[in-house]
Protein backbone atom coordinates (compact mmCIF):
# COMPACT_ATOMS: atom_id res chain seq x y z
CA UNK A 1 97.03 76.53 53.90
CA UNK A 2 94.79 74.28 56.00
CA UNK A 3 92.00 77.04 55.85
CA UNK A 4 91.47 76.86 52.17
CA UNK A 5 88.34 74.28 52.38
CA UNK A 6 86.44 76.72 54.62
CA UNK A 7 85.33 79.14 51.76
CA UNK A 8 82.40 80.34 53.95
CA UNK A 9 84.55 81.09 57.00
CA UNK A 10 83.62 84.74 58.32
CA UNK A 11 86.02 84.86 61.40
CA UNK A 12 89.54 83.43 61.54
CA UNK A 13 91.62 83.78 64.73
CA UNK A 14 95.22 82.53 64.55
CA UNK A 15 96.36 84.16 67.80
CA UNK A 16 98.55 82.44 70.31
CA UNK A 17 98.98 79.30 68.34
CA UNK A 18 101.16 76.62 69.82
CA UNK A 19 104.08 78.15 68.06
CA UNK A 20 104.31 81.50 66.19
CA UNK A 21 103.46 81.57 62.52
CA UNK A 22 105.82 83.10 60.16
CA UNK A 23 103.30 83.27 57.22
CA UNK A 24 99.58 83.37 56.70
CA UNK A 25 99.75 80.80 53.83
CA UNK A 26 98.55 80.81 50.34
CA UNK A 27 95.11 79.44 51.28
CA UNK A 28 94.02 82.84 52.56
CA UNK A 29 92.83 83.86 49.20
CA UNK A 30 90.11 81.26 49.27
CA UNK A 31 88.37 82.77 52.25
CA UNK A 32 86.33 85.45 50.23
CA UNK A 33 83.69 85.61 53.06
CA UNK A 34 86.12 86.56 55.77
CA UNK A 35 85.13 89.54 57.73
CA UNK A 36 87.49 89.29 60.76
CA UNK A 37 91.06 88.04 60.68
CA UNK A 38 93.14 88.07 63.92
CA UNK A 39 96.78 86.86 63.54
CA UNK A 40 98.36 88.83 66.46
CA UNK A 41 101.23 87.61 68.59
CA UNK A 42 102.90 85.63 65.85
CA UNK A 43 106.11 86.00 63.84
CA UNK A 44 104.80 87.29 60.55
CA UNK A 45 107.24 89.10 58.47
CA UNK A 46 105.06 89.71 55.36
CA UNK A 47 101.48 89.23 54.07
CA UNK A 48 100.46 87.15 51.13
CA UNK A 49 99.13 88.83 47.96
CA UNK A 50 96.16 86.88 48.46
CA UNK A 51 94.88 89.62 50.64
CA UNK A 52 93.34 91.14 47.55
CA UNK A 53 90.68 88.59 47.62
CA UNK A 54 89.31 89.62 50.96
CA UNK A 55 87.06 92.36 49.75
CA UNK A 56 84.69 91.77 52.70
CA UNK A 57 87.34 92.09 55.50
CA UNK A 58 86.31 94.60 58.04
CA UNK A 59 88.71 93.71 60.96
CA UNK A 60 92.37 93.03 60.78
CA UNK A 61 94.48 92.53 63.75
CA UNK A 62 98.12 91.86 62.98
CA UNK A 63 99.48 93.34 66.42
CA UNK A 64 102.75 92.02 67.80
CA UNK A 65 104.47 90.51 64.62
CA UNK A 66 107.56 91.30 62.68
CA UNK A 67 106.04 93.19 59.67
CA UNK A 68 108.06 95.74 58.02
CA UNK A 69 105.88 96.81 55.15
CA UNK A 70 102.20 96.31 53.92
CA UNK A 71 101.66 94.98 50.69
CA UNK A 72 99.84 97.25 48.03
CA UNK A 73 97.26 94.55 47.55
CA UNK A 74 95.93 95.53 51.02
CA UNK A 75 94.06 98.27 49.34
CA UNK A 76 91.82 95.85 47.75
CA UNK A 77 90.35 95.19 51.34
CA UNK A 78 88.10 98.32 50.95
CA UNK A 79 85.58 97.26 53.63
CA UNK A 80 88.14 97.66 56.47
CA UNK A 81 86.88 99.21 59.49
CA UNK A 82 89.70 98.40 62.05
CA UNK A 83 93.27 98.12 61.29
CA UNK A 84 95.54 96.97 64.24
CA UNK A 85 99.26 96.89 63.62
CA UNK A 86 100.96 97.85 66.79
CA UNK A 87 104.23 96.68 67.86
CA UNK A 88 105.59 95.43 64.57
CA UNK A 89 108.57 96.86 62.75
CA UNK A 90 106.67 98.74 60.18
CA UNK A 91 108.94 101.26 58.12
CA UNK A 92 106.13 102.30 55.74
CA UNK A 93 102.46 101.86 54.82
CA UNK A 94 101.10 100.74 51.57
CA UNK A 95 100.22 103.54 49.16
CA UNK A 96 96.55 104.44 48.71
CA UNK A 97 95.37 104.41 52.32
CA UNK A 98 92.56 106.74 51.40
CA UNK A 99 90.74 103.78 49.80
CA UNK A 100 89.75 102.65 53.26
CA UNK A 101 86.78 105.01 53.55
CA UNK A 102 85.07 102.76 56.14
CA UNK A 103 88.04 102.81 58.46
CA UNK A 104 87.34 104.24 61.86
CA UNK A 105 90.07 102.82 63.99
CA UNK A 106 93.73 102.32 63.04
CA UNK A 107 96.52 101.47 65.53
CA UNK A 108 99.95 101.98 64.30
CA UNK A 109 101.52 102.54 67.66
CA UNK A 110 105.25 101.34 68.49
CA UNK A 111 106.61 100.84 64.87
CA UNK A 112 109.35 102.42 63.06
CA UNK A 113 107.24 104.75 60.76
CA UNK A 114 108.79 107.94 59.92
CA UNK A 115 106.29 109.21 57.39
CA UNK A 116 102.63 109.71 57.99
CA UNK A 117 100.37 108.61 55.15
CA UNK A 118 98.41 111.51 53.63
CA UNK A 119 95.61 109.11 52.79
CA UNK A 120 95.10 108.60 56.64
CA UNK A 121 94.66 112.40 56.80
CA UNK A 122 92.19 112.33 54.03
CA UNK A 123 90.15 109.74 55.95
CA UNK A 124 90.12 111.97 59.03
CA UNK A 125 89.01 114.89 56.91
CA UNK A 126 86.45 113.33 54.73
CA UNK A 127 85.40 109.83 56.15
CA UNK A 128 85.00 107.94 59.42
CA UNK A 129 88.56 107.88 61.05
CA UNK A 130 87.94 108.55 64.53
CA UNK A 131 90.31 106.36 66.83
CA UNK A 132 93.96 106.34 66.19
CA UNK A 133 97.23 105.33 67.98
CA UNK A 134 100.23 106.67 66.47
CA UNK A 135 102.56 106.84 69.53
CA UNK A 136 106.00 105.33 69.70
CA UNK A 137 106.99 105.87 65.96
CA UNK A 138 110.03 108.20 65.02
CA UNK A 139 107.99 110.59 62.88
CA UNK A 140 109.97 112.87 60.46
CA UNK A 141 106.91 113.78 58.43
CA UNK A 142 104.77 115.59 59.59
CA UNK A 143 107.50 118.07 60.84
CA UNK A 144 108.20 117.63 64.65
CA UNK A 145 106.61 120.93 65.41
CA UNK A 146 103.17 119.42 64.04
CA UNK A 147 103.81 116.28 65.81
CA UNK A 148 104.03 118.12 69.11
CA UNK A 149 100.44 119.27 68.62
CA UNK A 150 98.98 115.74 68.98
CA UNK A 151 97.76 112.98 66.79
CA UNK A 152 94.65 114.68 65.48
CA UNK A 153 96.75 117.76 64.35
CA UNK A 154 99.27 115.42 62.67
CA UNK A 155 96.31 113.79 60.72
CA UNK A 156 94.68 117.24 59.87
CA UNK A 157 98.15 118.21 58.48
CA UNK A 158 98.78 115.24 56.27
CA UNK A 159 95.11 115.51 55.30
CA UNK A 160 95.71 119.10 53.99
CA UNK A 161 98.64 117.85 52.02
CA UNK A 162 96.41 115.28 50.59
CA UNK A 163 93.87 117.85 49.71
CA UNK A 164 96.48 119.86 47.93
CA UNK A 165 96.98 117.11 45.50
CA UNK A 166 93.33 117.66 44.38
CA UNK A 167 93.47 121.41 44.16
CA UNK A 168 96.06 124.02 43.57
CA UNK A 169 96.63 125.39 47.02
CA UNK A 170 97.91 124.46 50.43
CA UNK A 171 97.09 126.21 53.69
CA UNK A 172 99.74 125.79 56.22
CA UNK A 173 99.12 128.98 58.30
CA UNK A 174 97.57 127.16 61.23
CA UNK A 175 100.57 124.91 61.90
CA UNK A 176 102.96 127.21 63.52
CA UNK A 177 105.70 126.16 61.02
CA UNK A 178 108.87 128.38 60.84
CA UNK A 179 109.94 127.10 57.51
CA UNK A 180 108.43 125.29 54.48
CA UNK A 181 108.69 121.59 55.18
CA UNK A 182 110.13 119.31 52.56
CA UNK A 183 106.90 117.53 52.10
CA UNK A 184 105.55 120.83 50.70
CA UNK A 185 108.50 121.47 48.34
CA UNK A 186 107.35 118.45 46.30
CA UNK A 187 103.87 119.69 45.56
CA UNK A 188 104.91 121.14 42.28
CA UNK A 189 101.21 121.70 41.16
CA UNK A 190 100.27 124.34 43.66
CA UNK A 191 99.86 127.94 42.65
CA UNK A 192 98.94 129.24 46.29
CA UNK A 193 101.03 128.62 49.41
CA UNK A 194 99.65 130.20 52.54
CA UNK A 195 102.16 130.29 55.61
CA UNK A 196 100.83 133.50 57.28
């Protein structure tokens, strides 16, 4: 809350404080000019809704905290280019990850994520996403046979699922699947399914 008077602040680093922080505080919303936020190596368990006011934020480093989920308000930070969340306790990402069209680097390594966001796949297929770290998560979706093909293939797979929301077909013939995965069974709008 002590940062609120700094409305023109562009870079805020809250790493390696004298003691770990458990909250970013409510004053964060008053930092509308913030471009870089580093709050790694703390004890954060949640992020404030005031993130929605940080529309210019390009770099967010929350590595080595205790986060279990990302708030939906994070999607208001549409200028994000780098998102670092390794070594947290993330169980899920926020819905709407495809809004981060400028995102080129995302580090989600060593969390507890089981489902890879389709929106991240869309960012790989249609936008700037180039650098990822997805290792150290117990992935259930995509199917393990896809996960064994590497991170890029995982993102291409969920990108294909994301694309199927826009159209009426899903092409899974290039993935080496031996059965129709559960994530495909919920795509009720498709009229063409290619597995051959």
